[in-house]
């Protein structure tokens, strides 16, 4: 069986399985909406994740990233003197493929990696904000770097964060990045909790098929 025929039912890597244990999303967080930024999202008309194969997921991701790249090229070209630009990215099923295989290191989600590489090659810093617990911070950092991401910062949840609203936790990390002097020109994720709360000029939502992808 090739990876192109794998479906959502195959499961996740051992690493993502540990992470997802601590990633329950409260109903209130799911209802949160993004403010102060426009959002590009995957089509809501796609099928449920259990019916979507790897190729379909990749095509859906490419559709969104196909809109992200022209925006980033234009925004990077308009960098103001002294401006430090940053992109914030989610990890599971955003920057890494974690629901379509069993390998570690998990492969990069290629459409996202291609956009990230363009950004990092043009001076944009990449910050990764994840609901993964801190216990797997080291292996997560290694995985991201192994597949080609230049990690300027990795935010994982500490023990106390495990009891906080996920959307609020992720918003607070973007605020922290801004306090370090960065302008967040894009925020990329596959869940409403990745993108709500503002503190990004533009957001790009990858498919999660009605919340069935982590």
N, C-alpha and C. Protein backbone atom coordinates (compact mmCIF):
# COMPACT_ATOMS: atom_id res chain seq x y z
N UNK A 1 0.86 -1.20 0.00
CA UNK A 1 0.00 0.00 0.00
C UNK A 1 0.88 1.23 0.00
N UNK A 2 0.66 2.12 -0.94
CA UNK A 2 1.43 3.36 -0.98
C UNK A 2 0.84 4.37 -0.05
N UNK A 3 1.64 5.38 0.31
CA UNK A 3 1.17 6.42 1.21
C UNK A 3 0.00 7.18 0.60
N UNK A 4 -0.05 7.24 -0.75
CA UNK A 4 -1.12 7.95 -1.40
C UNK A 4 -2.49 7.34 -1.18
N UNK A 5 -2.53 6.10 -0.73
CA UNK A 5 -3.83 5.47 -0.50
C UNK A 5 -4.15 5.35 0.97
N UNK A 6 -3.26 5.80 1.82
CA UNK A 6 -3.57 5.77 3.25
C UNK A 6 -4.74 6.67 3.56
N UNK A 7 -5.57 6.30 4.49
CA UNK A 7 -6.66 7.15 4.92
C UNK A 7 -6.47 7.56 6.35
N UNK A 8 -7.36 8.43 6.79
CA UNK A 8 -7.32 8.92 8.18
C UNK A 8 -7.36 7.77 9.17
N UNK A 9 -7.98 6.64 8.80
CA UNK A 9 -8.16 5.54 9.74
C UNK A 9 -6.87 4.83 10.09
N UNK A 10 -5.80 5.10 9.33
CA UNK A 10 -4.53 4.43 9.62
C UNK A 10 -4.04 4.76 11.01
N UNK A 11 -4.27 6.00 11.44
CA UNK A 11 -3.83 6.39 12.78
C UNK A 11 -2.70 7.39 12.73
N UNK A 12 -2.00 7.56 13.88
CA UNK A 12 -0.96 8.58 14.00
C UNK A 12 0.34 7.95 14.45
N UNK A 13 1.41 8.73 14.36
CA UNK A 13 2.69 8.28 14.86
C UNK A 13 2.64 8.18 16.37
N UNK A 14 3.61 7.46 16.94
CA UNK A 14 3.67 7.35 18.40
C UNK A 14 3.83 8.71 19.04
N UNK A 15 4.59 9.59 18.39
CA UNK A 15 4.80 10.92 18.94
C UNK A 15 3.51 11.70 18.98
N UNK A 16 2.76 11.72 17.86
CA UNK A 16 1.54 12.50 17.85
C UNK A 16 0.49 11.91 18.78
N UNK A 17 0.53 10.60 18.98
CA UNK A 17 -0.43 9.99 19.89
C UNK A 17 -0.23 10.50 21.30
N UNK A 18 1.03 10.67 21.72
CA UNK A 18 1.30 11.22 23.05
C UNK A 18 0.80 12.65 23.13
N UNK A 19 1.07 13.42 22.05
CA UNK A 19 0.70 14.82 22.06
C UNK A 19 -0.80 15.03 22.12
N UNK A 20 -1.52 14.24 21.36
CA UNK A 20 -2.96 14.45 21.27
C UNK A 20 -3.66 14.16 22.57
N UNK A 21 -3.05 13.36 23.42
CA UNK A 21 -3.64 13.07 24.73
C UNK A 21 -3.95 14.35 25.48
N UNK A 22 -3.11 15.36 25.28
CA UNK A 22 -3.27 16.62 26.01
C UNK A 22 -3.86 17.73 25.17
N UNK A 23 -4.53 17.38 24.05
CA UNK A 23 -4.97 18.41 23.13
C UNK A 23 -6.48 18.46 22.96
N UNK A 24 -7.24 18.14 23.99
CA UNK A 24 -8.69 18.26 23.89
C UNK A 24 -9.06 19.72 23.72
N UNK A 25 -9.99 20.01 22.81
CA UNK A 25 -10.37 21.39 22.51
C UNK A 25 -11.73 21.69 23.11
N UNK A 26 -11.82 22.64 24.04
CA UNK A 26 -13.10 22.99 24.64
C UNK A 26 -14.06 23.53 23.59
N UNK A 27 -15.34 23.33 23.82
CA UNK A 27 -16.35 23.81 22.89
C UNK A 27 -16.26 25.30 22.67
N UNK A 28 -16.01 26.05 23.74
CA UNK A 28 -15.92 27.51 23.62
C UNK A 28 -14.78 27.91 22.71
N UNK A 29 -13.67 27.18 22.76
CA UNK A 29 -12.54 27.51 21.92
C UNK A 29 -12.87 27.25 20.46
N UNK A 30 -13.61 26.19 20.18
CA UNK A 30 -13.96 25.89 18.82
C UNK A 30 -14.84 26.98 18.24
N UNK A 31 -15.60 27.63 19.08
CA UNK A 31 -16.51 28.67 18.60
C UNK A 31 -15.84 30.02 18.45
N UNK A 32 -14.60 30.13 18.96
CA UNK A 32 -13.91 31.42 18.90
C UNK A 32 -13.65 31.82 17.46
N UNK A 33 -13.72 33.09 17.17
CA UNK A 33 -13.46 33.57 15.82
C UNK A 33 -12.27 34.50 15.81
N UNK A 34 -11.61 34.55 14.67
CA UNK A 34 -10.44 35.39 14.54
C UNK A 34 -10.86 36.84 14.31
N UNK A 35 -10.16 37.78 14.92
CA UNK A 35 -10.45 39.18 14.71
C UNK A 35 -9.20 39.91 14.26
N UNK A 36 -9.40 40.94 13.44
CA UNK A 36 -8.28 41.77 13.03
C UNK A 36 -7.44 41.19 11.93
N UNK A 37 -7.88 40.12 11.27
CA UNK A 37 -7.11 39.53 10.19
C UNK A 37 -8.05 38.80 9.26
N UNK A 38 -7.71 38.79 7.96
CA UNK A 38 -8.50 38.03 7.01
C UNK A 38 -8.02 36.60 7.01
N UNK A 39 -8.93 35.68 6.67
CA UNK A 39 -8.61 34.27 6.73
C UNK A 39 -8.83 33.59 5.39
N UNK A 40 -7.85 32.81 4.96
CA UNK A 40 -8.00 31.95 3.80
C UNK A 40 -8.15 30.53 4.32
N UNK A 41 -9.24 29.86 3.95
CA UNK A 41 -9.53 28.55 4.50
C UNK A 41 -9.76 27.53 3.41
N UNK A 42 -9.55 26.25 3.78
CA UNK A 42 -9.86 25.16 2.87
C UNK A 42 -11.37 25.10 2.68
N UNK A 43 -11.78 24.59 1.55
CA UNK A 43 -13.21 24.49 1.26
C UNK A 43 -13.92 23.66 2.30
N UNK A 44 -15.06 24.16 2.77
CA UNK A 44 -15.85 23.44 3.76
C UNK A 44 -16.66 22.32 3.14
N UNK A 45 -16.60 22.22 1.81
CA UNK A 45 -17.40 21.22 1.13
C UNK A 45 -16.72 19.88 0.98
N UNK A 46 -15.51 19.72 1.52
CA UNK A 46 -14.79 18.46 1.39
C UNK A 46 -15.39 17.41 2.30
N UNK A 47 -15.06 16.15 2.03
CA UNK A 47 -15.63 15.03 2.77
C UNK A 47 -15.04 14.92 4.16
N UNK A 48 -15.62 14.08 4.99
CA UNK A 48 -15.09 13.83 6.32
C UNK A 48 -13.73 13.18 6.20
N UNK A 49 -12.87 13.38 7.20
CA UNK A 49 -11.50 12.88 7.15
C UNK A 49 -11.44 11.37 6.95
N UNK A 50 -12.38 10.65 7.51
CA UNK A 50 -12.35 9.19 7.41
C UNK A 50 -12.52 8.72 5.97
N UNK A 51 -13.02 9.60 5.10
CA UNK A 51 -13.23 9.26 3.70
C UNK A 51 -12.18 9.89 2.79
N UNK A 52 -11.20 10.58 3.36
CA UNK A 52 -10.23 11.32 2.56
C UNK A 52 -8.89 10.60 2.56
N UNK A 53 -8.35 10.35 1.39
CA UNK A 53 -7.04 9.71 1.31
C UNK A 53 -5.94 10.75 1.32
N UNK A 54 -4.72 10.27 1.36
CA UNK A 54 -3.56 11.16 1.47
C UNK A 54 -3.49 12.16 0.32
N UNK A 55 -3.75 11.66 -0.89
CA UNK A 55 -3.68 12.53 -2.06
C UNK A 55 -4.67 13.67 -2.01
N UNK A 56 -5.88 13.39 -1.54
CA UNK A 56 -6.90 14.43 -1.43
C UNK A 56 -6.49 15.47 -0.40
N UNK A 57 -5.99 15.00 0.74
CA UNK A 57 -5.53 15.93 1.78
C UNK A 57 -4.43 16.83 1.25
N UNK A 58 -3.46 16.26 0.54
CA UNK A 58 -2.38 17.06 -0.01
C UNK A 58 -2.89 18.08 -1.02
N UNK A 59 -3.84 17.68 -1.84
CA UNK A 59 -4.41 18.62 -2.81
C UNK A 59 -5.12 19.77 -2.10
N UNK A 60 -5.85 19.45 -1.03
CA UNK A 60 -6.55 20.49 -0.28
C UNK A 60 -5.56 21.44 0.40
N UNK A 61 -4.47 20.88 0.93
CA UNK A 61 -3.44 21.73 1.55
C UNK A 61 -2.79 22.63 0.51
N UNK A 62 -2.53 22.08 -0.67
CA UNK A 62 -1.88 22.85 -1.72
C UNK A 62 -2.76 24.01 -2.18
N UNK A 63 -4.07 23.80 -2.17
CA UNK A 63 -4.99 24.87 -2.57
C UNK A 63 -4.84 26.09 -1.66
N UNK A 64 -4.75 25.83 -0.35
CA UNK A 64 -4.60 26.93 0.60
C UNK A 64 -3.21 27.57 0.49
N UNK A 65 -2.18 26.74 0.43
CA UNK A 65 -0.84 27.28 0.33
C UNK A 65 -0.58 27.97 -1.00
N UNK A 66 -1.35 27.59 -2.02
CA UNK A 66 -1.25 28.27 -3.31
C UNK A 66 -1.73 29.71 -3.22
N UNK A 67 -2.52 30.02 -2.21
CA UNK A 67 -2.93 31.40 -1.96
C UNK A 67 -2.00 32.09 -0.96
N UNK A 68 -1.38 31.30 -0.09
CA UNK A 68 -0.48 31.87 0.91
C UNK A 68 0.80 32.41 0.28
N UNK A 69 1.36 31.69 -0.68
CA UNK A 69 2.65 32.07 -1.23
C UNK A 69 2.63 33.42 -1.94
N UNK A 70 1.67 33.68 -2.83
CA UNK A 70 1.64 35.01 -3.45
C UNK A 70 1.48 36.14 -2.44
N UNK A 71 0.66 35.90 -1.42
CA UNK A 71 0.50 36.92 -0.37
C UNK A 71 1.84 37.18 0.32
N UNK A 72 2.54 36.11 0.69
CA UNK A 72 3.80 36.27 1.41
C UNK A 72 4.85 36.96 0.55
N UNK A 73 4.89 36.62 -0.72
CA UNK A 73 5.85 37.28 -1.61
C UNK A 73 5.60 38.79 -1.63
N UNK A 74 4.34 39.16 -1.72
CA UNK A 74 3.99 40.59 -1.75
C UNK A 74 4.28 41.25 -0.41
N UNK A 75 3.94 40.56 0.68
CA UNK A 75 4.13 41.15 2.01
C UNK A 75 5.61 41.27 2.35
N UNK A 76 6.39 40.27 2.01
CA UNK A 76 7.82 40.30 2.28
C UNK A 76 8.49 41.41 1.48
N UNK A 77 8.05 41.58 0.26
CA UNK A 77 8.61 42.64 -0.59
C UNK A 77 8.32 44.02 -0.02
N UNK A 78 7.26 44.12 0.78
CA UNK A 78 6.87 45.41 1.36
C UNK A 78 7.38 45.58 2.79
N UNK A 79 8.38 44.81 3.17
CA UNK A 79 8.94 44.91 4.52
C UNK A 79 9.42 46.34 4.80
N UNK A 80 9.02 46.85 5.95
CA UNK A 80 9.42 48.19 6.34
C UNK A 80 10.83 48.16 6.94
N UNK A 81 11.57 49.24 6.86
CA UNK A 81 12.91 49.29 7.45
C UNK A 81 12.85 48.93 8.94
N UNK A 82 13.67 47.98 9.33
CA UNK A 82 13.74 47.58 10.73
C UNK A 82 12.66 46.60 11.16
N UNK A 83 11.74 46.26 10.28
CA UNK A 83 10.65 45.35 10.63
C UNK A 83 11.15 43.91 10.69
N UNK A 84 10.83 43.23 11.77
CA UNK A 84 11.15 41.81 11.91
C UNK A 84 9.88 41.01 11.65
N UNK A 85 9.87 40.29 10.55
CA UNK A 85 8.68 39.55 10.17
C UNK A 85 8.73 38.11 10.68
N UNK A 86 7.56 37.58 11.01
CA UNK A 86 7.47 36.21 11.51
C UNK A 86 6.21 35.54 10.97
N UNK A 87 6.28 34.23 10.87
CA UNK A 87 5.12 33.40 10.58
C UNK A 87 4.95 32.45 11.75
N UNK A 88 3.72 32.27 12.20
CA UNK A 88 3.41 31.32 13.26
C UNK A 88 2.74 30.11 12.62
N UNK A 89 3.20 28.92 12.99
CA UNK A 89 2.67 27.69 12.41
C UNK A 89 2.30 26.68 13.48
N UNK A 90 1.19 26.00 13.27
CA UNK A 90 0.82 24.83 14.05
C UNK A 90 1.70 23.67 13.60
N UNK A 91 1.67 22.55 14.30
CA UNK A 91 2.52 21.42 13.93
C UNK A 91 1.73 20.25 13.36
N UNK A 92 0.88 19.62 14.17
CA UNK A 92 0.24 18.38 13.73
C UNK A 92 -0.72 18.61 12.57
N UNK A 93 -0.42 17.95 11.46
CA UNK A 93 -1.20 18.05 10.22
C UNK A 93 -1.21 19.46 9.64
N UNK A 94 -0.23 20.24 10.07
CA UNK A 94 0.03 21.54 9.45
C UNK A 94 1.44 21.52 8.89
N UNK A 95 2.44 21.58 9.77
CA UNK A 95 3.82 21.51 9.29
C UNK A 95 4.32 20.08 9.12
N UNK A 96 3.77 19.17 9.91
CA UNK A 96 4.16 17.76 9.82
C UNK A 96 2.95 16.89 9.50
N UNK A 97 3.21 15.79 8.80
CA UNK A 97 2.18 14.79 8.51
C UNK A 97 2.12 13.83 9.70
N UNK A 98 1.09 13.96 10.51
CA UNK A 98 1.03 13.10 11.70
C UNK A 98 -0.17 12.16 11.73
N UNK A 99 -1.10 12.32 10.81
CA UNK A 99 -2.26 11.43 10.81
C UNK A 99 -2.29 10.49 9.61
N UNK A 100 -1.22 10.45 8.86
CA UNK A 100 -1.19 9.63 7.66
C UNK A 100 0.01 8.69 7.61
N UNK A 101 0.47 8.21 8.74
CA UNK A 101 1.60 7.29 8.74
C UNK A 101 2.10 6.99 10.12
N UNK A 102 3.18 6.20 10.20
CA UNK A 102 3.69 5.74 11.49
C UNK A 102 5.15 6.12 11.73
N UNK A 103 5.75 6.89 10.88
CA UNK A 103 7.19 7.09 10.95
C UNK A 103 7.59 8.20 11.92
N UNK A 104 8.82 8.11 12.41
CA UNK A 104 9.48 9.19 13.13
C UNK A 104 10.92 9.24 12.63
N UNK A 105 11.39 10.40 12.25
CA UNK A 105 10.69 11.68 12.24
C UNK A 105 9.51 11.68 11.26
N UNK A 106 8.44 12.38 11.65
CA UNK A 106 7.28 12.51 10.77
C UNK A 106 7.66 13.36 9.56
N UNK A 107 7.18 13.01 8.38
CA UNK A 107 7.50 13.81 7.19
C UNK A 107 6.90 15.21 7.28
N UNK A 108 7.51 16.13 6.56
CA UNK A 108 6.94 17.48 6.46
C UNK A 108 5.70 17.44 5.57
N UNK A 109 4.76 18.31 5.87
CA UNK A 109 3.63 18.53 4.96
C UNK A 109 4.17 19.41 3.84
N UNK A 110 4.42 18.84 2.69
CA UNK A 110 5.19 19.51 1.65
C UNK A 110 4.64 20.86 1.21
N UNK A 111 3.34 21.02 1.00
CA UNK A 111 2.86 22.35 0.60
C UNK A 111 3.20 23.43 1.61
N UNK A 112 3.16 23.09 2.88
CA UNK A 112 3.50 24.06 3.93
C UNK A 112 5.01 24.27 3.98
N UNK A 113 5.77 23.20 3.87
CA UNK A 113 7.23 23.32 3.89
C UNK A 113 7.72 24.21 2.76
N UNK A 114 7.15 24.06 1.58
CA UNK A 114 7.58 24.87 0.44
C UNK A 114 7.37 26.37 0.73
N UNK A 115 6.24 26.70 1.31
CA UNK A 115 5.96 28.10 1.65
C UNK A 115 6.89 28.57 2.76
N UNK A 116 7.09 27.72 3.76
CA UNK A 116 7.97 28.08 4.88
C UNK A 116 9.40 28.30 4.41
N UNK A 117 9.86 27.47 3.49
CA UNK A 117 11.23 27.63 2.99
C UNK A 117 11.39 28.95 2.25
N UNK A 118 10.39 29.33 1.48
CA UNK A 118 10.47 30.62 0.80
C UNK A 118 10.60 31.73 1.83
N UNK A 119 9.77 31.65 2.85
CA UNK A 119 9.78 32.69 3.88
C UNK A 119 11.11 32.74 4.61
N UNK A 120 11.61 31.60 5.05
CA UNK A 120 12.84 31.61 5.83
C UNK A 120 14.05 32.00 4.98
N UNK A 121 14.00 31.72 3.70
CA UNK A 121 15.07 32.13 2.80
C UNK A 121 15.05 33.64 2.53
N UNK A 122 13.94 34.28 2.88
CA UNK A 122 13.81 35.72 2.68
C UNK A 122 13.74 36.48 4.00
N UNK A 123 14.33 35.89 5.02
CA UNK A 123 14.51 36.60 6.28
C UNK A 123 13.36 36.55 7.26
N UNK A 124 12.33 35.76 6.98
CA UNK A 124 11.19 35.67 7.89
C UNK A 124 11.45 34.57 8.92
N UNK A 125 11.20 34.87 10.18
CA UNK A 125 11.41 33.91 11.25
C UNK A 125 10.18 33.01 11.39
N UNK A 126 10.43 31.74 11.67
CA UNK A 126 9.35 30.77 11.83
C UNK A 126 9.20 30.40 13.30
N UNK A 127 8.00 30.60 13.82
CA UNK A 127 7.68 30.22 15.19
C UNK A 127 6.59 29.15 15.16
N UNK A 128 6.79 28.12 15.96
CA UNK A 128 5.87 26.99 15.99
C UNK A 128 5.15 26.99 17.33
N UNK A 129 3.82 27.07 17.26
CA UNK A 129 2.99 27.09 18.46
C UNK A 129 2.10 25.86 18.43
N UNK A 130 2.29 24.97 19.37
CA UNK A 130 1.60 23.69 19.37
C UNK A 130 0.97 23.40 20.72
N UNK A 131 -0.07 22.59 20.69
CA UNK A 131 -0.68 22.12 21.93
C UNK A 131 -0.01 20.85 22.44
N UNK A 132 1.05 20.44 21.79
CA UNK A 132 1.81 19.28 22.29
C UNK A 132 2.38 19.60 23.67
N UNK A 133 2.45 18.60 24.54
CA UNK A 133 3.01 18.85 25.87
C UNK A 133 4.52 19.02 25.83
N UNK A 134 5.04 19.73 26.80
CA UNK A 134 6.47 20.02 26.86
C UNK A 134 7.35 18.79 26.94
N UNK A 135 6.81 17.66 27.39
CA UNK A 135 7.62 16.46 27.54
C UNK A 135 8.20 15.98 26.21
N UNK A 136 7.57 16.35 25.10
CA UNK A 136 8.10 15.95 23.80
C UNK A 136 8.64 17.15 23.02
N UNK A 137 9.03 18.18 23.72
CA UNK A 137 9.58 19.36 23.07
C UNK A 137 10.85 19.03 22.27
N UNK A 138 11.74 18.25 22.87
CA UNK A 138 13.01 17.93 22.22
C UNK A 138 12.84 17.16 20.93
N UNK A 139 11.99 16.13 20.95
CA UNK A 139 11.81 15.33 19.74
C UNK A 139 11.04 16.12 18.68
N UNK A 140 10.17 17.02 19.12
CA UNK A 140 9.44 17.86 18.18
C UNK A 140 10.38 18.84 17.48
N UNK A 141 11.25 19.48 18.25
CA UNK A 141 12.22 20.42 17.69
C UNK A 141 13.13 19.71 16.69
N UNK A 142 13.59 18.52 17.07
CA UNK A 142 14.46 17.75 16.17
C UNK A 142 13.72 17.41 14.87
N UNK A 143 12.49 16.96 15.00
CA UNK A 143 11.70 16.57 13.82
C UNK A 143 11.54 17.74 12.86
N UNK A 144 11.18 18.90 13.38
CA UNK A 144 10.99 20.07 12.53
C UNK A 144 12.27 20.43 11.78
N UNK A 145 13.38 20.45 12.48
CA UNK A 145 14.65 20.80 11.85
C UNK A 145 15.11 19.72 10.87
N UNK A 146 14.85 18.48 11.20
CA UNK A 146 15.26 17.35 10.36
C UNK A 146 14.62 17.42 8.97
N UNK A 147 13.37 17.85 8.92
CA UNK A 147 12.67 17.87 7.63
C UNK A 147 12.82 19.20 6.88
N UNK A 148 13.51 20.18 7.48
CA UNK A 148 13.84 21.37 6.72
C UNK A 148 13.34 22.71 7.23
N UNK A 149 12.66 22.71 8.37
CA UNK A 149 12.19 23.98 8.92
C UNK A 149 13.31 24.62 9.75
N UNK A 150 13.45 25.93 9.63
CA UNK A 150 14.38 26.69 10.47
C UNK A 150 13.57 27.23 11.64
N UNK A 151 13.83 26.68 12.81
CA UNK A 151 13.02 26.98 13.99
C UNK A 151 13.57 28.18 14.75
N UNK A 152 12.86 29.29 14.71
CA UNK A 152 13.25 30.46 15.49
C UNK A 152 12.70 30.39 16.90
N UNK A 153 11.64 29.61 17.08
CA UNK A 153 11.06 29.43 18.40
C UNK A 153 10.02 28.33 18.37
N UNK A 154 9.99 27.53 19.44
CA UNK A 154 9.01 26.45 19.57
C UNK A 154 8.28 26.62 20.90
N UNK A 155 6.96 26.78 20.83
CA UNK A 155 6.14 26.94 22.02
C UNK A 155 5.33 25.66 22.24
N UNK A 156 5.57 25.01 23.37
CA UNK A 156 4.81 23.82 23.75
C UNK A 156 4.12 24.09 25.08
N UNK A 157 3.15 23.27 25.42
CA UNK A 157 2.39 23.51 26.65
C UNK A 157 3.10 22.94 27.87
N UNK A 158 3.29 23.82 28.86
CA UNK A 158 3.77 23.37 30.16
C UNK A 158 2.64 22.72 30.93
N UNK A 159 2.95 22.23 32.13
CA UNK A 159 1.95 21.49 32.91
C UNK A 159 0.71 22.33 33.16
N UNK A 160 0.88 23.58 33.57
CA UNK A 160 -0.27 24.43 33.87
C UNK A 160 -1.06 24.77 32.62
N UNK A 161 -0.38 24.82 31.47
CA UNK A 161 -1.07 25.12 30.22
C UNK A 161 -2.04 24.03 29.82
N UNK A 162 -1.83 22.81 30.32
CA UNK A 162 -2.68 21.69 29.93
C UNK A 162 -4.13 21.90 30.39
N UNK A 163 -4.32 22.78 31.36
CA UNK A 163 -5.65 23.01 31.90
C UNK A 163 -6.29 24.28 31.34
N UNK A 164 -5.58 24.95 30.42
CA UNK A 164 -6.08 26.19 29.85
C UNK A 164 -6.78 25.95 28.52
N UNK A 165 -7.64 26.88 28.16
CA UNK A 165 -8.27 26.87 26.85
C UNK A 165 -7.18 26.92 25.78
N UNK A 166 -7.25 26.00 24.81
CA UNK A 166 -6.20 25.89 23.81
C UNK A 166 -6.08 27.17 22.97
N UNK A 167 -7.21 27.71 22.55
CA UNK A 167 -7.17 28.93 21.74
C UNK A 167 -6.55 30.09 22.50
N UNK A 168 -6.90 30.22 23.77
CA UNK A 168 -6.34 31.29 24.59
C UNK A 168 -4.84 31.09 24.79
N UNK A 169 -4.43 29.84 24.99
CA UNK A 169 -3.00 29.52 25.15
C UNK A 169 -2.23 29.92 23.89
N UNK A 170 -2.76 29.57 22.73
CA UNK A 170 -2.04 29.86 21.49
C UNK A 170 -2.01 31.36 21.20
N UNK A 171 -3.09 32.04 21.51
CA UNK A 171 -3.11 33.50 21.33
C UNK A 171 -2.04 34.16 22.20
N UNK A 172 -1.91 33.68 23.43
CA UNK A 172 -0.92 34.25 24.36
C UNK A 172 0.50 34.08 23.83
N UNK A 173 0.75 32.98 23.13
CA UNK A 173 2.10 32.77 22.59
C UNK A 173 2.37 33.74 21.45
N UNK A 174 1.35 34.03 20.65
CA UNK A 174 1.54 35.02 19.58
C UNK A 174 1.78 36.41 20.16
N UNK A 175 1.09 36.71 21.25
CA UNK A 175 1.34 37.99 21.93
C UNK A 175 2.79 38.05 22.39
N UNK A 176 3.30 36.96 22.92
CA UNK A 176 4.68 36.90 23.39
C UNK A 176 5.66 37.13 22.23
N UNK A 177 5.35 36.56 21.08
CA UNK A 177 6.20 36.75 19.90
C UNK A 177 6.21 38.23 19.49
N UNK A 178 5.05 38.85 19.53
CA UNK A 178 4.97 40.28 19.20
C UNK A 178 5.76 41.11 20.20
N UNK A 179 5.74 40.72 21.46
CA UNK A 179 6.49 41.46 22.47
C UNK A 179 8.00 41.38 22.22
N UNK A 180 8.42 40.39 21.49
CA UNK A 180 9.83 40.26 21.14
C UNK A 180 10.20 41.11 19.93
N UNK A 181 9.22 41.87 19.44
CA UNK A 181 9.49 42.82 18.36
C UNK A 181 9.14 42.34 16.96
N UNK A 182 8.44 41.21 16.86
CA UNK A 182 8.10 40.66 15.55
C UNK A 182 6.71 41.10 15.09
N UNK A 183 6.59 41.26 13.79
CA UNK A 183 5.29 41.44 13.15
C UNK A 183 4.88 40.10 12.57
N UNK A 184 3.78 39.55 13.04
CA UNK A 184 3.34 38.25 12.55
C UNK A 184 2.54 38.48 11.28
N UNK A 185 3.15 38.19 10.15
CA UNK A 185 2.52 38.47 8.87
C UNK A 185 1.57 37.35 8.44
N UNK A 186 1.71 36.16 9.04
CA UNK A 186 0.81 35.06 8.70
C UNK A 186 0.77 34.06 9.85
N UNK A 187 -0.39 33.46 10.01
CA UNK A 187 -0.59 32.40 11.00
C UNK A 187 -1.23 31.23 10.26
N UNK A 188 -0.59 30.07 10.31
CA UNK A 188 -1.04 28.92 9.52
C UNK A 188 -1.36 27.75 10.45
N UNK A 189 -2.56 27.19 10.31
CA UNK A 189 -2.95 26.05 11.12
C UNK A 189 -4.12 25.34 10.49
N UNK A 190 -4.55 24.23 11.11
CA UNK A 190 -5.68 23.48 10.54
C UNK A 190 -6.89 23.44 11.47
N UNK A 191 -6.83 24.23 12.55
CA UNK A 191 -7.92 24.23 13.51
C UNK A 191 -8.28 25.67 13.87
N UNK A 192 -9.54 25.87 14.25
CA UNK A 192 -9.97 27.21 14.68
C UNK A 192 -9.16 27.68 15.88
N UNK A 193 -8.75 26.77 16.74
CA UNK A 193 -7.98 27.15 17.92
C UNK A 193 -6.57 27.62 17.56
N UNK A 194 -6.10 27.26 16.37
CA UNK A 194 -4.78 27.73 15.92
C UNK A 194 -4.84 29.18 15.49
N UNK A 195 -6.00 29.63 15.04
CA UNK A 195 -6.10 30.89 14.32
C UNK A 195 -6.91 31.97 15.01
N UNK A 196 -7.75 31.61 15.95
CA UNK A 196 -8.61 32.60 16.59
C UNK A 196 -7.81 33.47 17.55
N UNK A 197 -8.35 34.64 17.85
CA UNK A 197 -7.71 35.51 18.84
C UNK A 197 -6.89 36.64 18.28
N UNK A 198 -6.76 36.70 16.95
CA UNK A 198 -6.02 37.79 16.35
C UNK A 198 -4.51 37.66 16.49
N UNK A 199 -3.81 38.82 16.47
CA UNK A 199 -2.35 38.89 16.57
C UNK A 199 -1.67 38.19 15.40
N UNK A 200 -2.21 38.43 14.20
CA UNK A 200 -1.60 38.00 12.95
C UNK A 200 -2.28 38.79 11.84
N UNK A 201 -1.50 39.23 10.86
CA UNK A 201 -2.08 40.04 9.79
C UNK A 201 -3.01 39.24 8.89
N UNK A 202 -2.69 37.96 8.69
CA UNK A 202 -3.52 37.12 7.84
C UNK A 202 -3.42 35.68 8.33
N UNK A 203 -4.52 34.96 8.25
CA UNK A 203 -4.51 33.56 8.68
C UNK A 203 -4.86 32.65 7.51
N UNK A 204 -4.29 31.46 7.55
CA UNK A 204 -4.53 30.46 6.51
C UNK A 204 -4.92 29.15 7.19
N UNK A 205 -6.14 28.68 6.91
CA UNK A 205 -6.63 27.47 7.54
C UNK A 205 -6.57 26.29 6.59
N UNK A 206 -5.80 25.28 6.97
CA UNK A 206 -5.73 24.03 6.25
C UNK A 206 -6.93 23.14 6.64
N UNK A 207 -7.23 22.12 5.84
CA UNK A 207 -8.39 21.29 6.13
C UNK A 207 -8.21 20.44 7.39
N UNK A 208 -9.27 20.37 8.18
CA UNK A 208 -9.30 19.42 9.30
C UNK A 208 -10.51 18.51 9.22
N UNK A 209 -11.30 18.70 8.16
CA UNK A 209 -12.45 17.83 7.90
C UNK A 209 -13.35 17.71 9.12
N UNK A 210 -13.93 18.84 9.48
CA UNK A 210 -14.85 18.91 10.61
C UNK A 210 -14.22 18.47 11.92
N UNK A 211 -12.96 18.84 12.10
CA UNK A 211 -12.28 18.59 13.37
C UNK A 211 -11.74 17.19 13.53
N UNK A 212 -11.72 16.38 12.48
CA UNK A 212 -11.28 15.00 12.62
C UNK A 212 -9.77 14.81 12.48
N UNK A 213 -9.08 15.84 11.99
CA UNK A 213 -7.61 15.80 12.00
C UNK A 213 -7.14 16.59 13.21
N UNK A 214 -6.15 16.10 13.92
CA UNK A 214 -5.65 16.79 15.10
C UNK A 214 -5.01 18.12 14.73
